Amino acid sequence: MKCSRYALAFVSIILLVVLSLPANALCKKAIIKDVVVTNTPKDLLVYFSVEGCFTKKMEEAILNGISTTFTFFINLYHPRSFWFDKTLATVTVRHTVVYNNLRNEFTVTLNSKDKKEVILKDFLEAKKAMAEVDGITVIPMSSLKKNNKYYVRIKAKLDPIRLPFFLDYVLFFVSLWDFETDWYTELFIYGLSPN
């Protein structure tokens, strides 16, 4: 009986705190920036970063050991007149960060680099690794035609945060930490023949 009173009091306090905060105070608009579309002799590559993807509450959650994942969607299209644009490639990339309080280190798993794990001691470096996609392969250059127009669309979002069993039901407001960028579009003309 005492346990349920404490749980009810805890839920009530959390509700009061959440409802008293304005929604825009909890989140900042995240945007895609620094987009570079380039190529190697074999592949089309995309580089970009996300700005404004970490809120104060999200940083607190990460520092409390809650695993956080960003998902990046990269789509390549060939525009066509009088018809729907042709989808040439869709790529999904995930970056995950987990903080180990005992070791005082961040493990960042970069799905874009064959599930490469990076161990970092500095939180700023961990956030930078989470927010940047460096040289993701989108499509082989042999799939593109010289002098044709193409465009890449990029979007980023925070995956739903998974909390321990009891807190998952109590702290429903974690959705307020979520972010999702608008689609960013980068046009380019493939003007060089593949080497």
C-alpha atoms as a PDB file:
ATOM      1  CA  MET A   1       0.000   0.000   0.000  1.00  0.00           C
ATOM      2  CA  LYS A   2       2.829   2.423   0.904  1.00  0.00           C
ATOM      3  CA  CYS A   3       4.623   1.573  -2.330  1.00  0.00           C
ATOM      4  CA  SER A   4       1.617   2.508  -4.455  1.00  0.00           C
ATOM      5  CA  ARG A   5       1.230   5.832  -2.564  1.00  0.00           C
ATOM      6  CA  TYR A   6       4.853   6.691  -3.307  1.00  0.00           C
ATOM      7  CA  ALA A   7       4.423   5.702  -6.944  1.00  0.00           C
ATOM      8  CA  LEU A   8       1.288   7.853  -7.222  1.00  0.00           C
ATOM      9  CA  ALA A   9       3.040  10.806  -5.587  1.00  0.00           C
ATOM     10  CA  PHE A  10       6.026  10.361  -7.932  1.00  0.00           C
ATOM     11  CA  VAL A  11       3.792  10.275 -11.023  1.00  0.00           C
ATOM     12  CA  SER A  12       1.874  13.351  -9.807  1.00  0.00           C
ATOM     13  CA  ILE A  13       5.070  15.355  -9.309  1.00  0.00           C
ATOM     14  CA  ILE A  14       6.381  14.357 -12.729  1.00  0.00           C
ATOM     15  CA  LEU A  15       3.079  15.350 -14.372  1.00  0.00           C
ATOM     16  CA  LEU A  16       3.090  18.750 -12.661  1.00  0.00           C
ATOM     17  CA  VAL A  17       6.662  19.462 -13.740  1.00  0.00           C
ATOM     18  CA  VAL A  18       6.057  18.403 -17.339  1.00  0.00           C
ATOM     19  CA  LEU A  19       2.776  20.239 -17.735  1.00  0.00           C
ATOM     20  CA  SER A  20       4.256  23.443 -16.309  1.00  0.00           C
ATOM     21  CA  LEU A  21       7.040  23.557 -18.916  1.00  0.00           C
ATOM     22  CA  PRO A  22       6.339  25.083 -22.312  1.00  0.00           C
ATOM     23  CA  ALA A  23       6.883  22.555 -25.104  1.00  0.00           C
ATOM     24  CA  ASN A  24       9.293  24.780 -27.014  1.00  0.00           C
ATOM     25  CA  ALA A  25      11.546  25.045 -23.951  1.00  0.00           C
ATOM     26  CA  LEU A  26      12.202  21.314 -24.104  1.00  0.00           C
ATOM     27  CA  CYS A  27      13.229  21.080 -27.733  1.00  0.00           C
ATOM     28  CA  LYS A  28      15.179  23.055 -30.268  1.00  0.00           C
ATOM     29  CA  LYS A  29      14.734  22.716 -34.020  1.00  0.00           C
ATOM     30  CA  ALA A  30      17.320  20.322 -35.428  1.00  0.00           C
ATOM     31  CA  ILE A  31      18.579  20.948 -38.975  1.00  0.00           C
ATOM     32  CA  ILE A  32      20.746  19.164 -41.540  1.00  0.00           C
ATOM     33  CA  LYS A  33      23.817  21.205 -42.512  1.00  0.00           C
ATOM     34  CA  ASP A  34      27.268  21.018 -44.146  1.00  0.00           C
ATOM     35  CA  VAL A  35      26.060  18.610 -46.851  1.00  0.00           C
ATOM     36  CA  VAL A  36      28.691  17.467 -49.344  1.00  0.00           C
ATOM     37  CA  VAL A  37      27.898  15.095 -52.214  1.00  0.00           C
ATOM     38  CA  THR A  38      31.066  13.719 -53.782  1.00  0.00           C
ATOM     39  CA  ASN A  39      32.412  10.524 -55.256  1.00  0.00           C
ATOM     40  CA  THR A  40      35.278   8.102 -55.422  1.00  0.00           C
ATOM     41  CA  PRO A  41      35.954   6.315 -58.698  1.00  0.00           C
ATOM     42  CA  LYS A  42      33.563   3.586 -57.491  1.00  0.00           C
ATOM     43  CA  ASP A  43      30.888   5.148 -55.243  1.00  0.00           C
ATOM     44  CA  LEU A  44      28.749   8.227 -54.615  1.00  0.00           C
ATOM     45  CA  LEU A  45      29.398   9.495 -51.073  1.00  0.00           C
ATOM     46  CA  VAL A  46      27.489  11.879 -48.804  1.00  0.00           C
ATOM     47  CA  TYR A  47      28.809  13.848 -45.827  1.00  0.00           C
ATOM     48  CA  PHE A  48      26.638  15.936 -43.486  1.00  0.00           C
ATOM     49  CA  SER A  49      25.974  16.897 -39.888  1.00  0.00           C
ATOM     50  CA  VAL A  50      22.952  17.692 -37.737  1.00  0.00           C
ATOM     51  CA  GLU A  51      22.794  20.877 -35.683  1.00  0.00           C
ATOM     52  CA  GLY A  52      20.524  21.385 -32.679  1.00  0.00           C
ATOM     53  CA  CYS A  53      19.881  17.704 -32.056  1.00  0.00           C
ATOM     54  CA  PHE A  54      20.829  17.668 -28.355  1.00  0.00           C
ATOM     55  CA  THR A  55      18.515  19.200 -25.780  1.00  0.00           C
ATOM     56  CA  LYS A  56      19.471  19.660 -22.133  1.00  0.00           C
ATOM     57  CA  LYS A  57      17.092  16.856 -21.110  1.00  0.00           C
ATOM     58  CA  MET A  58      18.536  14.503 -23.725  1.00  0.00           C
ATOM     59  CA  GLU A  59      22.063  15.223 -22.497  1.00  0.00           C
ATOM     60  CA  GLU A  60      20.938  14.449 -18.927  1.00  0.00           C
ATOM     61  CA  ALA A  61      19.396  11.173 -20.104  1.00  0.00           C
ATOM     62  CA  ILE A  62      22.623  10.165 -21.878  1.00  0.00           C
ATOM     63  CA  LEU A  63      24.726  11.043 -18.819  1.00  0.00           C
ATOM     64  CA  ASN A  64      22.385   8.858 -16.751  1.00  0.00           C
ATOM     65  CA  GLY A  65      23.243   5.872 -18.963  1.00  0.00           C
ATOM     66  CA  ILE A  66      20.207   5.817 -21.239  1.00  0.00           C
ATOM     67  CA  SER A  67      21.116   4.505 -24.699  1.00  0.00           C
ATOM     68  CA  THR A  68      20.280   7.062 -27.389  1.00  0.00           C
ATOM     69  CA  THR A  69      20.087   6.391 -31.147  1.00  0.00           C
ATOM     70  CA  PHE A  70      19.925   8.780 -34.083  1.00  0.00           C
ATOM     71  CA  THR A  71      18.637   7.426 -37.389  1.00  0.00           C
ATOM     72  CA  PHE A  72      19.596   9.115 -40.657  1.00  0.00           C
ATOM     73  CA  PHE A  73      17.647   8.563 -43.877  1.00  0.00           C
ATOM     74  CA  ILE A  74      19.444   9.232 -47.168  1.00  0.00           C
ATOM     75  CA  ASN A  75      17.539   8.879 -50.447  1.00  0.00           C
ATOM     76  CA  LEU A  76      18.846   9.402 -53.975  1.00  0.00           C
ATOM     77  CA  TYR A  77      16.466  10.384 -56.792  1.00  0.00           C
ATOM     78  CA  HIS A  78      16.623  11.005 -60.523  1.00  0.00           C
ATOM     79  CA  PRO A  79      14.114  13.753 -61.467  1.00  0.00           C
ATOM     80  CA  ARG A  80      11.896  13.023 -64.476  1.00  0.00           C
ATOM     81  CA  SER A  81       9.639  15.384 -66.417  1.00  0.00           C
ATOM     82  CA  PHE A  82       5.927  14.546 -66.518  1.00  0.00           C
ATOM     83  CA  TRP A  83       6.436  11.521 -64.262  1.00  0.00           C
ATOM     84  CA  PHE A  84       7.310  10.685 -60.685  1.00  0.00           C
ATOM     85  CA  ASP A  85      10.981  11.049 -59.790  1.00  0.00           C
ATOM     86  CA  LYS A  86      12.813   7.730 -59.832  1.00  0.00           C
ATOM     87  CA  THR A  87      14.200   6.458 -56.514  1.00  0.00           C
ATOM     88  CA  LEU A  88      17.700   5.114 -57.125  1.00  0.00           C
ATOM     89  CA  ALA A  89      18.826   4.369 -53.560  1.00  0.00           C
ATOM     90  CA  THR A  90      17.643   4.482 -49.965  1.00  0.00           C
ATOM     91  CA  VAL A  91      20.161   4.234 -47.145  1.00  0.00           C
ATOM     92  CA  THR A  92      19.451   4.135 -43.408  1.00  0.00           C
ATOM     93  CA  VAL A  93      22.254   4.852 -40.934  1.00  0.00           C
ATOM     94  CA  ARG A  94      22.123   4.600 -37.138  1.00  0.00           C
ATOM     95  CA  HIS A  95      24.447   6.125 -34.541  1.00  0.00           C
ATOM     96  CA  THR A  96      24.054   5.048 -30.902  1.00  0.00           C
ATOM     97  CA  VAL A  97      25.682   6.458 -27.767  1.00  0.00           C
ATOM     98  CA  VAL A  98      25.851   4.791 -24.341  1.00  0.00           C
ATOM     99  CA  TYR A  99      27.574   6.324 -21.321  1.00  0.00           C
ATOM    100  CA  ASN A 100      29.408   4.078 -18.847  1.00  0.00           C
ATOM    101  CA  ASN A 101      29.432   5.943 -15.547  1.00  0.00           C
ATOM    102  CA  LEU A 102      31.933   3.578 -13.903  1.00  0.00           C
ATOM    103  CA  ARG A 103      34.541   4.039 -16.629  1.00  0.00           C
ATOM    104  CA  ASN A 104      33.539   7.638 -17.397  1.00  0.00           C
ATOM    105  CA  GLU A 105      33.446   6.909 -21.134  1.00  0.00           C
ATOM    106  CA  PHE A 106      31.029   7.073 -24.046  1.00  0.00           C
ATOM    107  CA  THR A 107      30.660   4.206 -26.493  1.00  0.00           C
ATOM    108  CA  VAL A 108      29.456   5.498 -29.854  1.00  0.00           C
ATOM    109  CA  THR A 109      28.400   2.827 -32.354  1.00  0.00           C
ATOM    110  CA  LEU A 110      28.556   4.112 -35.912  1.00  0.00           C
ATOM    111  CA  ASN A 111      26.397   1.936 -38.148  1.00  0.00           C
ATOM    112  CA  SER A 112      27.635   3.981 -41.103  1.00  0.00           C
ATOM    113  CA  LYS A 113      31.135   2.515 -40.662  1.00  0.00           C
ATOM    114  CA  ASP A 114      30.329  -1.211 -40.501  1.00  0.00           C
ATOM    115  CA  LYS A 115      29.191  -1.052 -36.857  1.00  0.00           C
ATOM    116  CA  LYS A 116      32.408   0.622 -35.780  1.00  0.00           C
ATOM    117  CA  GLU A 117      32.550   1.358 -32.046  1.00  0.00           C
ATOM    118  CA  VAL A 118      34.399   4.414 -30.822  1.00  0.00           C
ATOM    119  CA  ILE A 119      35.254   4.899 -27.135  1.00  0.00           C
ATOM    120  CA  LEU A 120      35.409   8.569 -26.142  1.00  0.00           C
ATOM    121  CA  LYS A 121      36.073  10.270 -22.800  1.00  0.00           C
ATOM    122  CA  ASP A 122      34.765  13.699 -23.804  1.00  0.00           C
ATOM    123  CA  PHE A 123      31.006  14.313 -24.079  1.00  0.00           C
ATOM    124  CA  LEU A 124      31.465  17.006 -26.749  1.00  0.00           C
ATOM    125  CA  GLU A 125      33.389  14.540 -28.931  1.00  0.00           C
ATOM    126  CA  ALA A 126      30.681  11.901 -28.389  1.00  0.00           C
ATOM    127  CA  LYS A 127      27.965  14.376 -29.430  1.00  0.00           C
ATOM    128  CA  LYS A 128      29.980  15.352 -32.505  1.00  0.00           C
ATOM    129  CA  ALA A 129      30.415  11.691 -33.494  1.00  0.00           C
ATOM    130  CA  MET A 130      26.667  11.148 -33.062  1.00  0.00           C
ATOM    131  CA  ALA A 131      25.695  14.156 -35.189  1.00  0.00           C
ATOM    132  CA  GLU A 132      28.058  13.639 -38.150  1.00  0.00           C
ATOM    133  CA  VAL A 133      27.832  11.206 -41.063  1.00  0.00           C
ATOM    134  CA  ASP A 134      31.151  10.993 -42.889  1.00  0.00           C
ATOM    135  CA  GLY A 135      31.355   9.485 -46.317  1.00  0.00           C
ATOM    136  CA  ILE A 136      28.372   7.152 -46.379  1.00  0.00           C
ATOM    137  CA  THR A 137      28.164   5.184 -49.629  1.00  0.00           C
ATOM    138  CA  VAL A 138      24.854   5.845 -51.375  1.00  0.00           C
ATOM    139  CA  ILE A 139      25.180   4.079 -54.761  1.00  0.00           C
ATOM    140  CA  PRO A 140      27.859   2.789 -57.145  1.00  0.00           C
ATOM    141  CA  MET A 141      28.884   5.405 -59.705  1.00  0.00           C
ATOM    142  CA  SER A 142      28.182   2.880 -62.468  1.00  0.00           C
ATOM    143  CA  SER A 143      24.451   3.349 -61.697  1.00  0.00           C
ATOM    144  CA  LEU A 144      24.574   7.049 -62.635  1.00  0.00           C
ATOM    145  CA  LYS A 145      24.630   8.551 -66.141  1.00  0.00           C
ATOM    146  CA  LYS A 146      26.917  11.367 -67.207  1.00  0.00           C
ATOM    147  CA  ASN A 147      25.369  14.875 -67.358  1.00  0.00           C
ATOM    148  CA  ASN A 148      22.133  13.744 -65.669  1.00  0.00           C
ATOM    149  CA  LYS A 149      20.567  15.623 -62.767  1.00  0.00           C
ATOM    150  CA  TYR A 150      20.103  13.908 -59.419  1.00  0.00           C
ATOM    151  CA  TYR A 151      19.212  14.925 -55.905  1.00  0.00           C
ATOM    152  CA  VAL A 152      19.825  13.565 -52.437  1.00  0.00           C
ATOM    153  CA  ARG A 153      17.252  13.975 -49.654  1.00  0.00           C
ATOM    154  CA  ILE A 154      18.416  13.634 -46.044  1.00  0.00           C
ATOM    155  CA  LYS A 155      16.464  13.448 -42.800  1.00  0.00           C
ATOM    156  CA  ALA A 156      17.499  12.717 -39.201  1.00  0.00           C
ATOM    157  CA  LYS A 157      15.452  11.641 -36.195  1.00  0.00           C
ATOM    158  CA  LEU A 158      15.897  10.470 -32.641  1.00  0.00           C
ATOM    159  CA  ASP A 159      14.736   6.902 -32.101  1.00  0.00           C
ATOM    160  CA  PRO A 160      12.304   6.393 -29.218  1.00  0.00           C
ATOM    161  CA  ILE A 161      14.212   6.233 -25.934  1.00  0.00           C
ATOM    162  CA  ARG A 162      13.850   2.939 -24.097  1.00  0.00           C
ATOM    163  CA  LEU A 163      13.752   3.278 -20.334  1.00  0.00           C
ATOM    164  CA  PRO A 164      13.794   0.615 -17.619  1.00  0.00           C
ATOM    165  CA  PHE A 165      10.465  -1.237 -17.307  1.00  0.00           C
ATOM    166  CA  PHE A 166       8.750   0.859 -14.603  1.00  0.00           C
ATOM    167  CA  LEU A 167      10.010   4.221 -15.841  1.00  0.00           C
ATOM    168  CA  ASP A 168       8.908   3.411 -19.385  1.00  0.00           C
ATOM    169  CA  TYR A 169       5.307   3.697 -18.203  1.00  0.00           C
ATOM    170  CA  VAL A 170       5.773   6.595 -15.817  1.00  0.00           C
ATOM    171  CA  LEU A 171       7.968   8.915 -17.875  1.00  0.00           C
ATOM    172  CA  PHE A 172       5.772   9.151 -20.957  1.00  0.00           C
ATOM    173  CA  PHE A 173       7.019  12.682 -21.553  1.00  0.00           C
ATOM    174  CA  VAL A 174      10.348  11.489 -22.983  1.00  0.00           C
ATOM    175  CA  SER A 175       8.682  11.915 -26.361  1.00  0.00           C
ATOM    176  CA  LEU A 176       9.171  15.635 -25.767  1.00  0.00           C
ATOM    177  CA  TRP A 177      12.921  15.044 -26.118  1.00  0.00           C
ATOM    178  CA  ASP A 178      12.442  13.628 -29.609  1.00  0.00           C
ATOM    179  CA  PHE A 179      13.582  15.494 -32.666  1.00  0.00           C
ATOM    180  CA  GLU A 180      13.034  15.015 -36.341  1.00  0.00           C
ATOM    181  CA  THR A 181      14.534  17.286 -38.973  1.00  0.00           C
ATOM    182  CA  ASP A 182      12.819  18.440 -42.111  1.00  0.00           C
ATOM    183  CA  TRP A 183      13.972  16.825 -45.334  1.00  0.00           C
ATOM    184  CA  TYR A 184      17.091  18.504 -46.722  1.00  0.00           C
ATOM    185  CA  THR A 185      17.543  18.377 -50.513  1.00  0.00           C
ATOM    186  CA  GLU A 186      20.876  18.682 -52.340  1.00  0.00           C
ATOM    187  CA  LEU A 187      20.833  18.842 -56.156  1.00  0.00           C
ATOM    188  CA  PHE A 188      23.806  17.839 -58.307  1.00  0.00           C
ATOM    189  CA  ILE A 189      24.726  16.956 -61.892  1.00  0.00           C
ATOM    190  CA  TYR A 190      26.916  13.959 -62.511  1.00  0.00           C
ATOM    191  CA  GLY A 191      29.278  15.375 -65.106  1.00  0.00           C
ATOM    192  CA  LEU A 192      32.327  13.165 -64.867  1.00  0.00           C
ATOM    193  CA  SER A 193      32.618   9.651 -66.181  1.00  0.00           C
ATOM    194  CA  PRO A 194      33.559   7.091 -63.510  1.00  0.00           C
ATOM    195  CA  ASN A 195      37.262   6.241 -63.368  1.00  0.00           C
END
